[in-house]
Amino acid sequence: MTAELIIETTRLRLTRLTIRDAGAVFAYRSLPEICRFQSFRPAAVADAAAFIAGTADRPDIPGTWFQLGIFLREGQVLIGDIGVHFLPRGEAELGYTVTPSFQKRGYAAEAATAVISWLFRSPNRSCISCTIDPDNAPSLRLAKRLGLKPAGKSVHQELIFKVERGEWSARGVPV
């Protein structure tokens, strides 16, 4: 059994999603304004439960996604999630989702900053990236706000943004 990962910020608590969260994940991940930019589009709570069950139960397993819920510290309300895809050569890819009623309050930036800092605590982590649909203006703004820089396009013509360990450290963000 592995210890539970908890990342806390001033307003948020990030911890691994569990099957108990499936109803809430379905509620926001099935919204048209959310799923239009996502590869995962649940049609039922059971789909959200299967999605959660299919993610890694601990971080840093190459080739897997580890899914963290973004919870408000006050009231423990699930407002979104951040997936971390652990790639070879010390790289990790982030994907983030925040339910619309909690967008435009800085929660995504706060959560992503905390996760990137946590990822760079690993001495083997060299680079963090995000792959973003070119029409997803809020995610593009967030990537730039986080200090990620354009790094090309995916095979599906999505935009790739990256930040290297040295660039992150140079921003003065604690790790």
N, C-alpha and C. Protein backbone atom coordinates (compact mmCIF):
# COMPACT_ATOMS: atom_id res chain seq x y z
N MET A 1 0.85 -1.19 0.00
CA MET A 1 0.00 0.00 0.00
C MET A 1 0.89 1.24 0.00
N THR A 2 0.58 2.20 -0.86
CA THR A 2 1.38 3.41 -0.94
C THR A 2 0.73 4.52 -0.13
N ALA A 3 1.56 5.45 0.33
CA ALA A 3 1.04 6.58 1.09
C ALA A 3 0.23 7.48 0.16
N GLU A 4 -0.79 8.09 0.72
CA GLU A 4 -1.64 8.98 -0.08
C GLU A 4 -0.88 10.26 -0.40
N LEU A 5 -0.90 10.64 -1.68
CA LEU A 5 -0.27 11.88 -2.10
C LEU A 5 -1.26 13.01 -1.86
N ILE A 6 -0.81 14.05 -1.17
CA ILE A 6 -1.62 15.24 -0.93
C ILE A 6 -0.74 16.45 -1.23
N ILE A 7 -1.22 17.31 -2.11
CA ILE A 7 -0.56 18.58 -2.41
C ILE A 7 -1.54 19.66 -1.98
N GLU A 8 -1.09 20.56 -1.11
CA GLU A 8 -1.98 21.62 -0.64
C GLU A 8 -1.45 22.98 -1.03
N THR A 9 -2.39 23.86 -1.36
CA THR A 9 -2.10 25.27 -1.62
C THR A 9 -2.94 26.07 -0.64
N THR A 10 -2.93 27.35 -0.78
CA THR A 10 -3.72 28.20 0.10
C THR A 10 -5.20 27.84 0.05
N ARG A 11 -5.73 27.58 -1.15
CA ARG A 11 -7.17 27.33 -1.30
C ARG A 11 -7.53 25.92 -1.69
N LEU A 12 -6.54 25.12 -2.09
CA LEU A 12 -6.84 23.83 -2.71
C LEU A 12 -6.13 22.67 -2.02
N ARG A 13 -6.73 21.52 -2.22
CA ARG A 13 -6.12 20.25 -1.79
C ARG A 13 -6.21 19.31 -2.99
N LEU A 14 -5.06 18.84 -3.44
CA LEU A 14 -5.01 17.93 -4.58
C LEU A 14 -4.64 16.54 -4.08
N THR A 15 -5.46 15.58 -4.43
CA THR A 15 -5.22 14.21 -4.04
C THR A 15 -5.79 13.29 -5.12
N ARG A 16 -5.31 12.06 -5.14
CA ARG A 16 -5.71 11.12 -6.20
C ARG A 16 -7.22 10.95 -6.24
N LEU A 17 -7.76 10.98 -7.45
CA LEU A 17 -9.18 10.69 -7.62
C LEU A 17 -9.45 9.24 -7.23
N THR A 18 -10.63 9.01 -6.66
CA THR A 18 -11.06 7.65 -6.33
C THR A 18 -12.44 7.41 -6.93
N ILE A 19 -12.89 6.18 -6.88
CA ILE A 19 -14.20 5.82 -7.42
C ILE A 19 -15.30 6.66 -6.76
N ARG A 20 -15.12 7.06 -5.51
CA ARG A 20 -16.12 7.92 -4.83
C ARG A 20 -16.34 9.23 -5.58
N ASP A 21 -15.37 9.65 -6.38
CA ASP A 21 -15.45 10.93 -7.09
C ASP A 21 -16.11 10.80 -8.46
N ALA A 22 -16.50 9.60 -8.86
CA ALA A 22 -17.00 9.37 -10.22
C ALA A 22 -18.21 10.24 -10.57
N GLY A 23 -19.14 10.40 -9.65
CA GLY A 23 -20.33 11.21 -9.94
C GLY A 23 -19.98 12.65 -10.23
N ALA A 24 -19.10 13.23 -9.43
CA ALA A 24 -18.68 14.61 -9.63
C ALA A 24 -17.87 14.76 -10.92
N VAL A 25 -16.97 13.80 -11.18
CA VAL A 25 -16.18 13.84 -12.41
C VAL A 25 -17.11 13.77 -13.63
N PHE A 26 -18.09 12.88 -13.58
CA PHE A 26 -19.05 12.79 -14.68
C PHE A 26 -19.78 14.13 -14.85
N ALA A 27 -20.19 14.75 -13.75
CA ALA A 27 -20.97 15.99 -13.82
C ALA A 27 -20.25 17.08 -14.60
N TYR A 28 -18.94 17.27 -14.37
CA TYR A 28 -18.28 18.34 -15.11
C TYR A 28 -17.62 17.85 -16.39
N ARG A 29 -17.14 16.63 -16.45
CA ARG A 29 -16.47 16.14 -17.66
C ARG A 29 -17.45 15.85 -18.80
N SER A 30 -18.75 15.75 -18.51
CA SER A 30 -19.74 15.49 -19.56
C SER A 30 -20.34 16.78 -20.12
N LEU A 31 -19.99 17.92 -19.54
CA LEU A 31 -20.50 19.20 -20.04
C LEU A 31 -19.92 19.49 -21.43
N PRO A 32 -20.75 19.93 -22.38
CA PRO A 32 -20.26 20.19 -23.73
C PRO A 32 -19.07 21.15 -23.77
N GLU A 33 -19.09 22.20 -22.95
CA GLU A 33 -18.00 23.17 -22.96
C GLU A 33 -16.70 22.59 -22.41
N ILE A 34 -16.78 21.50 -21.67
CA ILE A 34 -15.58 20.83 -21.16
C ILE A 34 -15.14 19.73 -22.13
N CYS A 35 -16.04 18.83 -22.47
CA CYS A 35 -15.61 17.65 -23.24
C CYS A 35 -15.25 17.98 -24.68
N ARG A 36 -15.58 19.14 -25.18
CA ARG A 36 -15.20 19.44 -26.56
C ARG A 36 -13.68 19.53 -26.74
N PHE A 37 -12.95 19.78 -25.64
CA PHE A 37 -11.49 19.84 -25.72
C PHE A 37 -10.81 18.65 -25.05
N GLN A 38 -11.57 17.64 -24.70
CA GLN A 38 -11.03 16.49 -23.97
C GLN A 38 -11.11 15.23 -24.84
N SER A 39 -10.19 14.32 -24.63
CA SER A 39 -10.28 13.02 -25.32
C SER A 39 -11.23 12.08 -24.58
N PHE A 40 -11.48 12.37 -23.30
CA PHE A 40 -12.38 11.55 -22.49
C PHE A 40 -13.73 12.24 -22.39
N ARG A 41 -14.79 11.56 -22.88
CA ARG A 41 -16.14 12.10 -22.89
C ARG A 41 -17.09 11.07 -22.27
N PRO A 42 -17.31 11.16 -20.97
CA PRO A 42 -18.16 10.14 -20.33
C PRO A 42 -19.62 10.31 -20.70
N ALA A 43 -20.28 9.18 -20.97
CA ALA A 43 -21.72 9.19 -21.27
C ALA A 43 -22.53 8.83 -20.03
N ALA A 44 -21.86 8.30 -19.00
CA ALA A 44 -22.54 7.89 -17.77
C ALA A 44 -21.54 7.91 -16.62
N VAL A 45 -22.05 7.88 -15.40
CA VAL A 45 -21.18 7.84 -14.21
C VAL A 45 -20.26 6.62 -14.28
N ALA A 46 -20.77 5.52 -14.82
CA ALA A 46 -19.95 4.31 -14.94
C ALA A 46 -18.71 4.56 -15.81
N ASP A 47 -18.84 5.41 -16.82
CA ASP A 47 -17.68 5.76 -17.66
C ASP A 47 -16.64 6.52 -16.84
N ALA A 48 -17.10 7.44 -16.01
CA ALA A 48 -16.18 8.19 -15.15
C ALA A 48 -15.50 7.25 -14.16
N ALA A 49 -16.25 6.30 -13.61
CA ALA A 49 -15.67 5.33 -12.68
C ALA A 49 -14.61 4.48 -13.38
N ALA A 50 -14.90 4.06 -14.61
CA ALA A 50 -13.93 3.26 -15.37
C ALA A 50 -12.69 4.08 -15.70
N PHE A 51 -12.88 5.37 -16.02
CA PHE A 51 -11.76 6.28 -16.29
C PHE A 51 -10.85 6.35 -15.06
N ILE A 52 -11.44 6.59 -13.90
CA ILE A 52 -10.66 6.69 -12.66
C ILE A 52 -9.96 5.37 -12.36
N ALA A 53 -10.68 4.26 -12.50
CA ALA A 53 -10.10 2.94 -12.23
C ALA A 53 -8.94 2.63 -13.17
N GLY A 54 -8.96 3.21 -14.37
CA GLY A 54 -7.93 2.95 -15.36
C GLY A 54 -6.67 3.78 -15.20
N THR A 55 -6.65 4.69 -14.22
CA THR A 55 -5.45 5.50 -14.00
C THR A 55 -4.58 4.82 -12.93
N ALA A 56 -3.33 5.21 -12.91
CA ALA A 56 -2.38 4.62 -11.97
C ALA A 56 -2.78 4.93 -10.53
N ASP A 57 -2.48 4.01 -9.62
CA ASP A 57 -2.80 4.23 -8.21
C ASP A 57 -1.66 4.90 -7.46
N ARG A 58 -0.56 5.15 -8.18
CA ARG A 58 0.56 5.90 -7.60
C ARG A 58 1.27 6.63 -8.73
N PRO A 59 1.95 7.71 -8.40
CA PRO A 59 2.63 8.50 -9.44
C PRO A 59 3.93 7.85 -9.90
N ASP A 60 4.44 8.39 -10.99
CA ASP A 60 5.78 8.09 -11.51
C ASP A 60 5.95 6.70 -12.10
N ILE A 61 4.88 6.14 -12.64
CA ILE A 61 4.98 4.89 -13.37
C ILE A 61 5.02 5.26 -14.86
N PRO A 62 6.16 5.07 -15.53
CA PRO A 62 6.28 5.47 -16.94
C PRO A 62 5.16 4.89 -17.79
N GLY A 63 4.61 5.76 -18.65
CA GLY A 63 3.57 5.35 -19.57
C GLY A 63 2.16 5.42 -19.00
N THR A 64 2.01 5.84 -17.74
CA THR A 64 0.68 5.90 -17.12
C THR A 64 0.26 7.34 -16.86
N TRP A 65 -1.05 7.48 -16.67
CA TRP A 65 -1.63 8.74 -16.22
C TRP A 65 -1.98 8.58 -14.74
N PHE A 66 -1.65 9.60 -13.96
CA PHE A 66 -2.01 9.66 -12.54
C PHE A 66 -2.94 10.86 -12.41
N GLN A 67 -4.15 10.64 -11.91
CA GLN A 67 -5.18 11.67 -11.92
C GLN A 67 -5.42 12.23 -10.52
N LEU A 68 -5.17 13.52 -10.36
CA LEU A 68 -5.38 14.22 -9.10
C LEU A 68 -6.68 15.02 -9.17
N GLY A 69 -7.49 14.90 -8.13
CA GLY A 69 -8.67 15.74 -8.01
C GLY A 69 -8.26 17.09 -7.45
N ILE A 70 -8.91 18.14 -7.92
CA ILE A 70 -8.70 19.49 -7.38
C ILE A 70 -9.88 19.77 -6.46
N PHE A 71 -9.62 19.79 -5.17
CA PHE A 71 -10.66 20.00 -4.16
C PHE A 71 -10.46 21.35 -3.49
N LEU A 72 -11.55 22.06 -3.24
CA LEU A 72 -11.47 23.25 -2.40
C LEU A 72 -11.11 22.77 -1.00
N ARG A 73 -10.16 23.43 -0.36
CA ARG A 73 -9.80 23.02 1.00
C ARG A 73 -10.98 23.19 1.95
N GLU A 74 -11.70 24.27 1.74
CA GLU A 74 -12.89 24.50 2.57
C GLU A 74 -14.06 23.74 1.95
N GLY A 75 -14.57 22.78 2.65
CA GLY A 75 -15.72 22.02 2.19
C GLY A 75 -15.39 20.80 1.36
N GLN A 76 -14.13 20.64 0.96
CA GLN A 76 -13.69 19.49 0.17
C GLN A 76 -14.55 19.24 -1.08
N VAL A 77 -14.91 20.32 -1.78
CA VAL A 77 -15.69 20.23 -3.01
C VAL A 77 -14.74 19.94 -4.18
N LEU A 78 -15.06 18.91 -4.97
CA LEU A 78 -14.26 18.60 -6.16
C LEU A 78 -14.63 19.57 -7.27
N ILE A 79 -13.64 20.35 -7.73
CA ILE A 79 -13.90 21.35 -8.75
C ILE A 79 -13.21 21.06 -10.08
N GLY A 80 -12.42 20.00 -10.12
CA GLY A 80 -11.72 19.67 -11.35
C GLY A 80 -10.68 18.60 -11.10
N ASP A 81 -9.82 18.41 -12.12
CA ASP A 81 -8.76 17.43 -11.97
C ASP A 81 -7.57 17.79 -12.84
N ILE A 82 -6.43 17.25 -12.45
CA ILE A 82 -5.20 17.40 -13.22
C ILE A 82 -4.64 16.00 -13.44
N GLY A 83 -4.43 15.66 -14.69
CA GLY A 83 -3.81 14.39 -15.02
C GLY A 83 -2.33 14.61 -15.29
N VAL A 84 -1.51 13.69 -14.81
CA VAL A 84 -0.08 13.72 -15.07
C VAL A 84 0.28 12.44 -15.81
N HIS A 85 0.77 12.60 -17.02
CA HIS A 85 1.21 11.48 -17.85
C HIS A 85 2.73 11.38 -17.69
N PHE A 86 3.18 10.29 -17.11
CA PHE A 86 4.62 10.11 -16.87
C PHE A 86 5.25 9.51 -18.11
N LEU A 87 6.13 10.30 -18.73
CA LEU A 87 6.77 9.94 -19.99
C LEU A 87 8.21 9.51 -19.74
N PRO A 88 8.86 8.93 -20.76
CA PRO A 88 10.27 8.55 -20.59
C PRO A 88 11.18 9.77 -20.50
N ARG A 89 12.41 9.53 -20.15
CA ARG A 89 13.47 10.55 -20.11
C ARG A 89 13.17 11.71 -19.17
N GLY A 90 12.48 11.45 -18.07
CA GLY A 90 12.25 12.50 -17.08
C GLY A 90 11.24 13.55 -17.48
N GLU A 91 10.38 13.24 -18.41
CA GLU A 91 9.36 14.20 -18.83
C GLU A 91 8.00 13.79 -18.28
N ALA A 92 7.13 14.79 -18.14
CA ALA A 92 5.74 14.55 -17.73
C ALA A 92 4.85 15.51 -18.51
N GLU A 93 3.65 15.05 -18.81
CA GLU A 93 2.66 15.86 -19.53
C GLU A 93 1.49 16.11 -18.59
N LEU A 94 1.00 17.34 -18.58
CA LEU A 94 -0.16 17.71 -17.75
C LEU A 94 -1.38 17.91 -18.61
N GLY A 95 -2.53 17.59 -18.05
CA GLY A 95 -3.82 17.94 -18.61
C GLY A 95 -4.68 18.42 -17.46
N TYR A 96 -5.40 19.52 -17.62
CA TYR A 96 -6.16 20.07 -16.51
C TYR A 96 -7.58 20.40 -16.94
N THR A 97 -8.49 20.23 -15.98
CA THR A 97 -9.91 20.49 -16.20
C THR A 97 -10.47 21.13 -14.94
N VAL A 98 -11.20 22.23 -15.10
CA VAL A 98 -11.90 22.85 -13.97
C VAL A 98 -13.34 23.08 -14.41
N THR A 99 -14.27 22.69 -13.54
CA THR A 99 -15.68 22.85 -13.87
C THR A 99 -16.00 24.34 -14.13
N PRO A 100 -16.85 24.65 -15.11
CA PRO A 100 -17.09 26.03 -15.49
C PRO A 100 -17.48 26.97 -14.36
N SER A 101 -18.24 26.50 -13.40
CA SER A 101 -18.66 27.41 -12.32
C SER A 101 -17.50 27.83 -11.41
N PHE A 102 -16.33 27.19 -11.55
CA PHE A 102 -15.16 27.56 -10.76
C PHE A 102 -14.02 28.10 -11.61
N GLN A 103 -14.28 28.32 -12.89
CA GLN A 103 -13.27 28.90 -13.76
C GLN A 103 -13.18 30.41 -13.54
N LYS A 104 -12.10 30.98 -14.02
CA LYS A 104 -11.82 32.42 -13.94
C LYS A 104 -11.65 32.91 -12.51
N ARG A 105 -11.17 32.01 -11.63
CA ARG A 105 -10.89 32.39 -10.24
C ARG A 105 -9.44 32.06 -9.86
N GLY A 106 -8.65 31.61 -10.84
CA GLY A 106 -7.25 31.29 -10.59
C GLY A 106 -7.00 29.90 -10.03
N TYR A 107 -8.04 29.08 -9.92
CA TYR A 107 -7.86 27.74 -9.36
C TYR A 107 -6.98 26.86 -10.25
N ALA A 108 -7.18 26.91 -11.55
CA ALA A 108 -6.38 26.08 -12.45
C ALA A 108 -4.91 26.46 -12.37
N ALA A 109 -4.62 27.75 -12.36
CA ALA A 109 -3.23 28.20 -12.25
C ALA A 109 -2.62 27.79 -10.91
N GLU A 110 -3.38 27.93 -9.84
CA GLU A 110 -2.90 27.55 -8.51
C GLU A 110 -2.61 26.05 -8.45
N ALA A 111 -3.52 25.25 -8.97
CA ALA A 111 -3.33 23.80 -8.95
C ALA A 111 -2.17 23.37 -9.85
N ALA A 112 -2.12 23.91 -11.06
CA ALA A 112 -1.05 23.52 -12.00
C ALA A 112 0.31 23.95 -11.48
N THR A 113 0.41 25.13 -10.90
CA THR A 113 1.68 25.59 -10.32
C THR A 113 2.14 24.63 -9.23
N ALA A 114 1.22 24.22 -8.37
CA ALA A 114 1.57 23.30 -7.29
C ALA A 114 2.02 21.95 -7.84
N VAL A 115 1.34 21.45 -8.86
CA VAL A 115 1.69 20.14 -9.43
C VAL A 115 3.04 20.22 -10.16
N ILE A 116 3.26 21.28 -10.92
CA ILE A 116 4.55 21.42 -11.61
C ILE A 116 5.68 21.50 -10.59
N SER A 117 5.50 22.28 -9.55
CA SER A 117 6.53 22.38 -8.51
C SER A 117 6.77 21.01 -7.87
N TRP A 118 5.70 20.27 -7.58
CA TRP A 118 5.84 18.94 -7.02
C TRP A 118 6.60 18.02 -7.98
N LEU A 119 6.26 18.07 -9.27
CA LEU A 119 6.94 17.23 -10.25
C LEU A 119 8.43 17.54 -10.32
N PHE A 120 8.79 18.81 -10.25
CA PHE A 120 10.20 19.18 -10.35
C PHE A 120 10.99 18.88 -9.07
N ARG A 121 10.31 18.46 -8.01
CA ARG A 121 11.04 18.01 -6.82
C ARG A 121 11.79 16.71 -7.09
N SER A 122 11.34 15.96 -8.09
CA SER A 122 12.04 14.74 -8.48
C SER A 122 13.32 15.15 -9.21
N PRO A 123 14.48 14.67 -8.75
CA PRO A 123 15.72 15.06 -9.41
C PRO A 123 15.83 14.57 -10.85
N ASN A 124 15.02 13.59 -11.22
CA ASN A 124 15.06 13.05 -12.57
C ASN A 124 14.12 13.75 -13.54
N ARG A 125 13.28 14.66 -13.05
CA ARG A 125 12.30 15.33 -13.91
C ARG A 125 12.97 16.49 -14.62
N SER A 126 12.94 16.47 -15.94
CA SER A 126 13.62 17.51 -16.71
C SER A 126 12.68 18.49 -17.39
N CYS A 127 11.45 18.04 -17.69
CA CYS A 127 10.58 18.85 -18.54
C CYS A 127 9.12 18.51 -18.27
N ILE A 128 8.27 19.52 -18.29
CA ILE A 128 6.82 19.35 -18.16
C ILE A 128 6.19 19.95 -19.42
N SER A 129 5.20 19.25 -19.98
CA SER A 129 4.54 19.75 -21.18
C SER A 129 3.03 19.69 -21.04
N CYS A 130 2.36 20.41 -21.91
CA CYS A 130 0.90 20.36 -22.06
C CYS A 130 0.62 20.32 -23.56
N THR A 131 -0.35 19.53 -23.96
CA THR A 131 -0.80 19.46 -25.34
C THR A 131 -2.21 20.04 -25.37
N ILE A 132 -2.39 21.11 -26.15
CA ILE A 132 -3.62 21.90 -26.07
C ILE A 132 -4.23 22.09 -27.46
N ASP A 133 -5.54 21.90 -27.53
CA ASP A 133 -6.29 22.18 -28.76
C ASP A 133 -6.11 23.67 -29.09
N PRO A 134 -5.79 24.02 -30.32
CA PRO A 134 -5.55 25.42 -30.67
C PRO A 134 -6.76 26.33 -30.47
N ASP A 135 -7.97 25.75 -30.39
CA ASP A 135 -9.17 26.55 -30.16
C ASP A 135 -9.49 26.73 -28.67
N ASN A 136 -8.71 26.12 -27.80
CA ASN A 136 -8.97 26.20 -26.36
C ASN A 136 -8.22 27.40 -25.78
N ALA A 137 -8.76 28.59 -26.01
CA ALA A 137 -8.11 29.83 -25.61
C ALA A 137 -7.80 29.90 -24.11
N PRO A 138 -8.72 29.50 -23.21
CA PRO A 138 -8.38 29.57 -21.78
C PRO A 138 -7.18 28.69 -21.40
N SER A 139 -7.08 27.50 -21.97
CA SER A 139 -5.93 26.63 -21.66
C SER A 139 -4.64 27.18 -22.25
N LEU A 140 -4.73 27.78 -23.42
CA LEU A 140 -3.54 28.41 -24.02
C LEU A 140 -3.06 29.56 -23.14
N ARG A 141 -3.98 30.39 -22.65
CA ARG A 141 -3.60 31.49 -21.76
C ARG A 141 -2.97 30.96 -20.48
N LEU A 142 -3.54 29.89 -19.93
CA LEU A 142 -3.00 29.32 -18.70
C LEU A 142 -1.59 28.79 -18.93
N ALA A 143 -1.35 28.08 -20.01
CA ALA A 143 -0.01 27.56 -20.29
C ALA A 143 1.01 28.70 -20.34
N LYS A 144 0.65 29.78 -21.02
CA LYS A 144 1.56 30.93 -21.11
C LYS A 144 1.75 31.58 -19.74
N ARG A 145 0.66 31.69 -18.99
CA ARG A 145 0.74 32.28 -17.64
C ARG A 145 1.65 31.46 -16.73
N LEU A 146 1.65 30.14 -16.92
CA LEU A 146 2.50 29.26 -16.12
C LEU A 146 3.96 29.31 -16.57
N GLY A 147 4.23 29.96 -17.69
CA GLY A 147 5.61 30.05 -18.18
C GLY A 147 5.99 28.95 -19.15
N LEU A 148 5.00 28.18 -19.63
CA LEU A 148 5.29 27.17 -20.64
C LEU A 148 5.43 27.86 -21.98
N LYS A 149 6.35 27.36 -22.79
CA LYS A 149 6.63 27.99 -24.08
C LYS A 149 6.21 27.07 -25.23
N PRO A 150 5.78 27.66 -26.35
CA PRO A 150 5.41 26.85 -27.51
C PRO A 150 6.57 25.95 -27.93
N ALA A 151 6.26 24.68 -28.23
CA ALA A 151 7.31 23.71 -28.58
C ALA A 151 6.91 22.84 -29.76
N GLY A 152 5.97 23.29 -30.57
CA GLY A 152 5.59 22.51 -31.75
C GLY A 152 4.15 22.05 -31.71
N LYS A 153 3.87 21.08 -32.57
CA LYS A 153 2.51 20.53 -32.70
C LYS A 153 2.56 19.02 -32.59
N SER A 154 1.46 18.46 -32.08
CA SER A 154 1.33 17.01 -32.00
C SER A 154 0.93 16.46 -33.36
N VAL A 155 0.87 15.14 -33.47
CA VAL A 155 0.45 14.53 -34.73
C VAL A 155 -1.00 14.89 -35.06
N HIS A 156 -1.78 15.30 -34.05
CA HIS A 156 -3.17 15.71 -34.26
C HIS A 156 -3.30 17.22 -34.40
N GLN A 157 -2.19 17.89 -34.60
CA GLN A 157 -2.13 19.34 -34.78
C GLN A 157 -2.52 20.13 -33.53
N GLU A 158 -2.41 19.51 -32.38
CA GLU A 158 -2.59 20.25 -31.13
C GLU A 158 -1.27 20.95 -30.82
N LEU A 159 -1.35 22.03 -30.06
CA LEU A 159 -0.15 22.80 -29.73
C LEU A 159 0.50 22.22 -28.48
N ILE A 160 1.82 22.12 -28.52
CA ILE A 160 2.58 21.60 -27.39
C ILE A 160 3.31 22.76 -26.73
N PHE A 161 3.18 22.85 -25.41
CA PHE A 161 3.88 23.85 -24.61
C PHE A 161 4.74 23.12 -23.61
N LYS A 162 5.93 23.66 -23.33
CA LYS A 162 6.86 23.00 -22.40
C LYS A 162 7.53 24.02 -21.48
N VAL A 163 7.96 23.49 -20.33
CA VAL A 163 8.84 24.25 -19.44
C VAL A 163 9.90 23.28 -18.94
N GLU A 164 11.14 23.72 -19.00
CA GLU A 164 12.27 22.93 -18.50
C GLU A 164 12.48 23.27 -17.02
N ARG A 165 13.12 22.35 -16.31
CA ARG A 165 13.39 22.53 -14.88
C ARG A 165 14.07 23.88 -14.60
N GLY A 166 15.12 24.21 -15.36
CA GLY A 166 15.86 25.46 -15.14
C GLY A 166 14.99 26.69 -15.34
N GLU A 167 14.11 26.65 -16.34
CA GLU A 167 13.22 27.78 -16.59
C GLU A 167 12.25 27.96 -15.42
N TRP A 168 11.74 26.84 -14.90
CA TRP A 168 10.80 26.89 -13.79
C TRP A 168 11.48 27.46 -12.54
N SER A 169 12.68 26.98 -12.28
CA SER A 169 13.44 27.45 -11.12
C SER A 169 13.77 28.93 -11.25
N ALA A 170 14.08 29.37 -12.46
CA ALA A 170 14.44 30.76 -12.71
C ALA A 170 13.26 31.72 -12.43
N ARG A 171 12.05 31.19 -12.49
CA ARG A 171 10.86 32.01 -12.22
C ARG A 171 10.71 32.27 -10.72
N GLY A 172 11.50 31.57 -9.91
CA GLY A 172 11.42 31.77 -8.47
C GLY A 172 10.26 31.05 -7.82
N VAL A 173 9.67 30.09 -8.53
CA VAL A 173 8.56 29.32 -7.95
C VAL A 173 9.17 28.23 -7.09
N PRO A 174 8.78 28.16 -5.82
CA PRO A 174 9.39 27.12 -4.97
C PRO A 174 9.01 25.72 -5.43
N VAL A 175 9.96 24.81 -5.31
CA VAL A 175 9.68 23.40 -5.62
C VAL A 175 9.74 22.57 -4.36
